[in-house]
Amino acid sequence: MTVLEDRIAMAESDNTSTLDEMFERLETMPVPEGYKVEIVEGTVFMSPQRDTHWEIILDIVEQLRTKYPRKRVKSDVRIDYPGHLNGFATDVTAMAEGAEKTESGRWRHQDVEFVAEVISKGTAANDYGPKKAAYALAEVPVYVIADPYQGRCHVYTHPKGDDYATETKVTFGDDMDLTGTVVGLTLTTAGFPRD
């Protein structure tokens, strides 16, 4: 291992340790029911889940279940991503076949095949900014942002560095063709509500 690789490994383990400490503190705090908590670039975000938000999440999960077994589809489960203190509780995550938890009991970002985030006004900048960069760095093959304010989905594929090479916009009501990706499905957005 080179000195640089050793320093990167130490920094990543320090981030994990610090993330663990931050989440442990959060678990002892009174978080209102119905709020999602995650850490993006070292900042704690709490956002309430609205009906529109939940309906879109559930719709995506139900459609993914035609291919993915229940144990491979996650919602609001902490997964640590590359970058400074990124512990995300993604709205929808689909794990690769054979994915297993680490010794510390968490899923690895290397096993994530699909991520979907549903926009909330207070955290939209995270989904379009640092979270998108972290998903690209983690080489998540498919990242979908469902935006009920715009009435469209942004489908990002082909991660390159901290961005995606391809963005496809899908208006609510149209089909989201993911057949050319690892997901291998077409998801309908016909039932996605707008805000």
C-alpha atoms as a PDB file:
ATOM      1  CA  MET A   1       0.000   0.000   0.000  1.00  0.00           C
ATOM      2  CA  THR A   2       1.391   3.418  -0.946  1.00  0.00           C
ATOM      3  CA  VAL A   3       1.549   6.299   1.504  1.00  0.00           C
ATOM      4  CA  LEU A   4      -1.311   8.020  -0.358  1.00  0.00           C
ATOM      5  CA  GLU A   5      -3.482   4.873  -0.264  1.00  0.00           C
ATOM      6  CA  ASP A   6      -2.707   4.511   3.434  1.00  0.00           C
ATOM      7  CA  ARG A   7      -3.765   8.120   4.118  1.00  0.00           C
ATOM      8  CA  ILE A   8      -6.986   7.687   2.112  1.00  0.00           C
ATOM      9  CA  ALA A   9      -7.811   4.512   4.054  1.00  0.00           C
ATOM     10  CA  MET A  10      -7.131   6.315   7.355  1.00  0.00           C
ATOM     11  CA  ALA A  11      -9.323   9.265   6.324  1.00  0.00           C
ATOM     12  CA  GLU A  12     -12.154   6.943   5.308  1.00  0.00           C
ATOM     13  CA  SER A  13     -11.962   5.051   8.603  1.00  0.00           C
ATOM     14  CA  ASP A  14     -11.919   8.387  10.494  1.00  0.00           C
ATOM     15  CA  ASN A  15     -15.037   9.477   8.569  1.00  0.00           C
ATOM     16  CA  THR A  16     -16.794   6.223   9.440  1.00  0.00           C
ATOM     17  CA  SER A  17     -15.847   6.571  13.085  1.00  0.00           C
ATOM     18  CA  THR A  18     -17.065  10.159  13.187  1.00  0.00           C
ATOM     19  CA  LEU A  19     -20.267   9.273  11.294  1.00  0.00           C
ATOM     20  CA  ASP A  20     -20.913   6.472  13.769  1.00  0.00           C
ATOM     21  CA  GLU A  21     -20.449   8.902  16.659  1.00  0.00           C
ATOM     22  CA  MET A  22     -22.759  11.458  15.040  1.00  0.00           C
ATOM     23  CA  PHE A  23     -25.490   8.873  14.417  1.00  0.00           C
ATOM     24  CA  GLU A  24     -25.136   7.504  17.961  1.00  0.00           C
ATOM     25  CA  ARG A  25     -25.750  11.010  19.323  1.00  0.00           C
ATOM     26  CA  LEU A  26     -28.725  11.448  17.004  1.00  0.00           C
ATOM     27  CA  GLU A  27     -30.262   8.211  18.239  1.00  0.00           C
ATOM     28  CA  THR A  28     -30.349   9.597  21.791  1.00  0.00           C
ATOM     29  CA  MET A  29     -32.041  12.839  20.674  1.00  0.00           C
ATOM     30  CA  PRO A  30     -35.814  13.181  20.398  1.00  0.00           C
ATOM     31  CA  VAL A  31     -36.442  13.121  16.635  1.00  0.00           C
ATOM     32  CA  PRO A  32     -40.098  13.768  15.790  1.00  0.00           C
ATOM     33  CA  GLU A  33     -41.957  10.793  14.364  1.00  0.00           C
ATOM     34  CA  GLY A  34     -42.208  10.879  10.583  1.00  0.00           C
ATOM     35  CA  TYR A  35     -38.884  12.682  10.096  1.00  0.00           C
ATOM     36  CA  LYS A  36     -35.960  11.310   8.131  1.00  0.00           C
ATOM     37  CA  VAL A  37     -32.473  12.056   9.467  1.00  0.00           C
ATOM     38  CA  GLU A  38     -29.288  11.900   7.414  1.00  0.00           C
ATOM     39  CA  ILE A  39     -25.848  13.447   7.321  1.00  0.00           C
ATOM     40  CA  VAL A  40     -24.695  15.183   4.140  1.00  0.00           C
ATOM     41  CA  GLU A  41     -21.130  16.485   4.096  1.00  0.00           C
ATOM     42  CA  GLY A  42     -21.069  16.530   7.897  1.00  0.00           C
ATOM     43  CA  THR A  43     -24.345  18.468   8.305  1.00  0.00           C
ATOM     44  CA  VAL A  44     -27.384  16.849   9.904  1.00  0.00           C
ATOM     45  CA  PHE A  45     -30.650  17.200   7.980  1.00  0.00           C
ATOM     46  CA  MET A  46     -34.089  16.296   9.312  1.00  0.00           C
ATOM     47  CA  SER A  47     -37.006  16.443   6.918  1.00  0.00           C
ATOM     48  CA  PRO A  48     -40.643  15.467   7.399  1.00  0.00           C
ATOM     49  CA  GLN A  49     -42.190  12.946   5.076  1.00  0.00           C
ATOM     50  CA  ARG A  50     -45.219  14.261   3.219  1.00  0.00           C
ATOM     51  CA  ASP A  51     -47.977  12.208   1.584  1.00  0.00           C
ATOM     52  CA  THR A  52     -46.742  13.093  -1.912  1.00  0.00           C
ATOM     53  CA  HIS A  53     -43.219  12.059  -0.951  1.00  0.00           C
ATOM     54  CA  TRP A  54     -44.344   8.718   0.489  1.00  0.00           C
ATOM     55  CA  GLU A  55     -46.678   7.883  -2.421  1.00  0.00           C
ATOM     56  CA  ILE A  56     -43.848   8.278  -4.939  1.00  0.00           C
ATOM     57  CA  ILE A  57     -41.447   6.229  -2.785  1.00  0.00           C
ATOM     58  CA  LEU A  58     -43.989   3.438  -2.381  1.00  0.00           C
ATOM     59  CA  ASP A  59     -44.795   3.457  -6.110  1.00  0.00           C
ATOM     60  CA  ILE A  60     -41.094   3.083  -6.998  1.00  0.00           C
ATOM     61  CA  VAL A  61     -40.598   0.315  -4.411  1.00  0.00           C
ATOM     62  CA  GLU A  62     -43.624  -1.627  -5.666  1.00  0.00           C
ATOM     63  CA  GLN A  63     -42.372  -1.447  -9.260  1.00  0.00           C
ATOM     64  CA  LEU A  64     -38.821  -2.475  -8.306  1.00  0.00           C
ATOM     65  CA  ARG A  65     -40.247  -5.489  -6.477  1.00  0.00           C
ATOM     66  CA  THR A  66     -41.172  -7.055  -9.837  1.00  0.00           C
ATOM     67  CA  LYS A  67     -37.438  -7.769 -10.200  1.00  0.00           C
ATOM     68  CA  TYR A  68     -35.817  -7.256  -6.803  1.00  0.00           C
ATOM     69  CA  PRO A  69     -36.624  -9.473  -3.805  1.00  0.00           C
ATOM     70  CA  ARG A  70     -37.879  -7.601  -0.731  1.00  0.00           C
ATOM     71  CA  LYS A  71     -34.550  -7.930   1.097  1.00  0.00           C
ATOM     72  CA  ARG A  72     -32.716  -6.112  -1.712  1.00  0.00           C
ATOM     73  CA  VAL A  73     -34.947  -2.999  -1.704  1.00  0.00           C
ATOM     74  CA  LYS A  74     -34.325  -0.487   1.089  1.00  0.00           C
ATOM     75  CA  SER A  75     -35.873   2.814   2.173  1.00  0.00           C
ATOM     76  CA  ASP A  76     -34.458   5.243   4.728  1.00  0.00           C
ATOM     77  CA  VAL A  77     -31.640   2.847   5.655  1.00  0.00           C
ATOM     78  CA  ARG A  78     -28.242   4.393   6.407  1.00  0.00           C
ATOM     79  CA  ILE A  79     -25.536   3.754   3.849  1.00  0.00           C
ATOM     80  CA  ASP A  80     -22.212   5.604   4.015  1.00  0.00           C
ATOM     81  CA  TYR A  81     -20.999   7.133   0.748  1.00  0.00           C
ATOM     82  CA  PRO A  82     -17.668   8.593  -0.421  1.00  0.00           C
ATOM     83  CA  GLY A  83     -16.840  12.153   0.493  1.00  0.00           C
ATOM     84  CA  HIS A  84     -16.696  13.991   3.800  1.00  0.00           C
ATOM     85  CA  LEU A  85     -19.142  12.555   6.360  1.00  0.00           C
ATOM     86  CA  ASN A  86     -21.873  11.252   4.049  1.00  0.00           C
ATOM     87  CA  GLY A  87     -24.311   8.945   5.828  1.00  0.00           C
ATOM     88  CA  PHE A  88     -27.431   8.955   3.648  1.00  0.00           C
ATOM     89  CA  ALA A  89     -30.857   7.486   4.385  1.00  0.00           C
ATOM     90  CA  THR A  90     -31.904   7.273   0.752  1.00  0.00           C
ATOM     91  CA  ASP A  91     -35.604   7.249  -0.138  1.00  0.00           C
ATOM     92  CA  VAL A  92     -35.219   4.082  -2.256  1.00  0.00           C
ATOM     93  CA  THR A  93     -32.165   1.866  -2.705  1.00  0.00           C
ATOM     94  CA  ALA A  94     -31.868  -1.382  -4.671  1.00  0.00           C
ATOM     95  CA  MET A  95     -28.955  -3.621  -3.743  1.00  0.00           C
ATOM     96  CA  ALA A  96     -27.038  -5.953  -6.048  1.00  0.00           C
ATOM     97  CA  GLU A  97     -27.610  -9.669  -5.871  1.00  0.00           C
ATOM     98  CA  GLY A  98     -25.343 -11.210  -3.246  1.00  0.00           C
ATOM     99  CA  ALA A  99     -24.964  -7.949  -1.284  1.00  0.00           C
ATOM    100  CA  GLU A 100     -24.215  -8.559   2.367  1.00  0.00           C
ATOM    101  CA  LYS A 101     -23.865  -6.312   5.374  1.00  0.00           C
ATOM    102  CA  THR A 102     -20.428  -5.438   6.707  1.00  0.00           C
ATOM    103  CA  GLU A 103     -19.121  -6.590  10.083  1.00  0.00           C
ATOM    104  CA  SER A 104     -20.496  -3.345  11.521  1.00  0.00           C
ATOM    105  CA  GLY A 105     -23.975  -4.287  10.245  1.00  0.00           C
ATOM    106  CA  ARG A 106     -24.307  -1.772   7.412  1.00  0.00           C
ATOM    107  CA  TRP A 107     -24.761  -2.105   3.672  1.00  0.00           C
ATOM    108  CA  ARG A 108     -21.849  -1.140   1.418  1.00  0.00           C
ATOM    109  CA  HIS A 109     -22.234   1.597  -1.184  1.00  0.00           C
ATOM    110  CA  GLN A 110     -20.311  -0.649  -3.598  1.00  0.00           C
ATOM    111  CA  ASP A 111     -23.362  -2.954  -3.699  1.00  0.00           C
ATOM    112  CA  VAL A 112     -25.923  -0.274  -4.597  1.00  0.00           C
ATOM    113  CA  GLU A 113     -27.420  -0.619  -8.102  1.00  0.00           C
ATOM    114  CA  PHE A 114     -30.166   1.997  -7.954  1.00  0.00           C
ATOM    115  CA  VAL A 115     -30.984   5.049  -5.867  1.00  0.00           C
ATOM    116  CA  ALA A 116     -34.080   7.255  -5.969  1.00  0.00           C
ATOM    117  CA  GLU A 117     -34.567  10.470  -4.048  1.00  0.00           C
ATOM    118  CA  VAL A 118     -37.896  12.295  -3.901  1.00  0.00           C
ATOM    119  CA  ILE A 119     -37.410  16.037  -3.615  1.00  0.00           C
ATOM    120  CA  SER A 120     -38.384  17.942  -0.496  1.00  0.00           C
ATOM    121  CA  LYS A 121     -38.133  21.731  -0.713  1.00  0.00           C
ATOM    122  CA  GLY A 122     -35.797  21.989   2.270  1.00  0.00           C
ATOM    123  CA  THR A 123     -33.288  19.394   1.048  1.00  0.00           C
ATOM    124  CA  ALA A 124     -33.551  19.613  -2.761  1.00  0.00           C
ATOM    125  CA  ALA A 125     -30.125  21.252  -3.045  1.00  0.00           C
ATOM    126  CA  ASN A 126     -28.577  18.158  -1.424  1.00  0.00           C
ATOM    127  CA  ASP A 127     -30.228  15.754  -3.881  1.00  0.00           C
ATOM    128  CA  TYR A 128     -29.140  17.743  -6.948  1.00  0.00           C
ATOM    129  CA  GLY A 129     -25.722  18.632  -5.484  1.00  0.00           C
ATOM    130  CA  PRO A 130     -23.575  16.781  -2.927  1.00  0.00           C
ATOM    131  CA  LYS A 131     -25.661  13.603  -2.873  1.00  0.00           C
ATOM    132  CA  LYS A 132     -25.565  13.331  -6.671  1.00  0.00           C
ATOM    133  CA  ALA A 133     -21.770  13.803  -6.531  1.00  0.00           C
ATOM    134  CA  ALA A 134     -21.415  11.147  -3.812  1.00  0.00           C
ATOM    135  CA  TYR A 135     -23.568   8.639  -5.736  1.00  0.00           C
ATOM    136  CA  ALA A 136     -21.455   9.227  -8.850  1.00  0.00           C
ATOM    137  CA  LEU A 137     -18.204   8.799  -6.868  1.00  0.00           C
ATOM    138  CA  ALA A 138     -19.652   5.553  -5.458  1.00  0.00           C
ATOM    139  CA  GLU A 139     -20.357   4.503  -9.075  1.00  0.00           C
ATOM    140  CA  VAL A 140     -24.060   3.938  -8.416  1.00  0.00           C
ATOM    141  CA  PRO A 141     -25.209   2.980 -11.954  1.00  0.00           C
ATOM    142  CA  VAL A 142     -28.676   4.603 -11.799  1.00  0.00           C
ATOM    143  CA  TYR A 143     -29.692   7.650  -9.767  1.00  0.00           C
ATOM    144  CA  VAL A 144     -33.246   8.983 -10.084  1.00  0.00           C
ATOM    145  CA  ILE A 145     -34.513  12.251  -8.672  1.00  0.00           C
ATOM    146  CA  ALA A 146     -38.314  12.411  -8.604  1.00  0.00           C
ATOM    147  CA  ASP A 147     -39.304  16.075  -8.362  1.00  0.00           C
ATOM    148  CA  PRO A 148     -43.010  16.580  -7.599  1.00  0.00           C
ATOM    149  CA  TYR A 149     -42.590  20.377  -7.845  1.00  0.00           C
ATOM    150  CA  GLN A 150     -41.314  20.151 -11.443  1.00  0.00           C
ATOM    151  CA  GLY A 151     -43.521  17.145 -12.240  1.00  0.00           C
ATOM    152  CA  ARG A 152     -40.593  15.201 -13.669  1.00  0.00           C
ATOM    153  CA  CYS A 153     -37.880  12.683 -12.921  1.00  0.00           C
ATOM    154  CA  HIS A 154     -34.203  13.217 -13.640  1.00  0.00           C
ATOM    155  CA  VAL A 155     -32.523   9.908 -14.495  1.00  0.00           C
ATOM    156  CA  TYR A 156     -28.727   9.920 -14.161  1.00  0.00           C
ATOM    157  CA  THR A 157     -26.618   7.096 -15.592  1.00  0.00           C
ATOM    158  CA  HIS A 158     -22.975   6.453 -16.507  1.00  0.00           C
ATOM    159  CA  PRO A 159     -21.151   7.805 -13.437  1.00  0.00           C
ATOM    160  CA  LYS A 160     -17.868   9.588 -14.234  1.00  0.00           C
ATOM    161  CA  GLY A 161     -15.914  10.961 -11.283  1.00  0.00           C
ATOM    162  CA  ASP A 162     -18.256  13.096  -9.182  1.00  0.00           C
ATOM    163  CA  ASP A 163     -20.959  13.491 -11.855  1.00  0.00           C
ATOM    164  CA  TYR A 164     -23.024  11.474 -14.317  1.00  0.00           C
ATOM    165  CA  ALA A 165     -22.393  11.535 -18.059  1.00  0.00           C
ATOM    166  CA  THR A 166     -26.047  11.052 -18.977  1.00  0.00           C
ATOM    167  CA  GLU A 167     -29.187  12.805 -17.735  1.00  0.00           C
ATOM    168  CA  THR A 168     -32.639  11.957 -19.064  1.00  0.00           C
ATOM    169  CA  LYS A 169     -35.707  13.948 -18.054  1.00  0.00           C
ATOM    170  CA  VAL A 170     -39.000  12.078 -17.786  1.00  0.00           C
ATOM    171  CA  THR A 171     -42.238  14.023 -17.313  1.00  0.00           C
ATOM    172  CA  PHE A 172     -44.645  12.555 -14.751  1.00  0.00           C
ATOM    173  CA  GLY A 173     -47.064  10.416 -16.733  1.00  0.00           C
ATOM    174  CA  ASP A 174     -44.379   9.070 -19.105  1.00  0.00           C
ATOM    175  CA  ASP A 175     -42.452   5.826 -18.681  1.00  0.00           C
ATOM    176  CA  MET A 176     -38.931   5.762 -17.250  1.00  0.00           C
ATOM    177  CA  ASP A 177     -37.051   3.305 -19.473  1.00  0.00           C
ATOM    178  CA  LEU A 178     -34.304   1.664 -17.418  1.00  0.00           C
ATOM    179  CA  THR A 179     -34.128  -1.478 -19.571  1.00  0.00           C
ATOM    180  CA  GLY A 180     -30.662  -0.504 -20.864  1.00  0.00           C
ATOM    181  CA  THR A 181     -29.308  -0.301 -17.304  1.00  0.00           C
ATOM    182  CA  VAL A 182     -28.556  -2.823 -14.561  1.00  0.00           C
ATOM    183  CA  VAL A 183     -32.127  -2.262 -13.289  1.00  0.00           C
ATOM    184  CA  GLY A 184     -33.565  -3.779 -16.484  1.00  0.00           C
ATOM    185  CA  LEU A 185     -37.090  -2.412 -15.947  1.00  0.00           C
ATOM    186  CA  THR A 186     -39.425   0.245 -17.255  1.00  0.00           C
ATOM    187  CA  LEU A 187     -40.947   2.211 -14.384  1.00  0.00           C
ATOM    188  CA  THR A 188     -44.177   4.092 -14.909  1.00  0.00           C
ATOM    189  CA  THR A 189     -44.613   7.556 -13.423  1.00  0.00           C
ATOM    190  CA  ALA A 190     -48.341   7.741 -14.220  1.00  0.00           C
ATOM    191  CA  GLY A 191     -49.294   7.516 -10.543  1.00  0.00           C
ATOM    192  CA  PHE A 192     -46.720  10.022  -9.245  1.00  0.00           C
ATOM    193  CA  PRO A 193     -48.531  12.935  -7.566  1.00  0.00           C
ATOM    194  CA  ARG A 194     -47.378  16.542  -7.914  1.00  0.00           C
ATOM    195  CA  ASP A 195     -46.919  19.234  -5.295  1.00  0.00           C
END
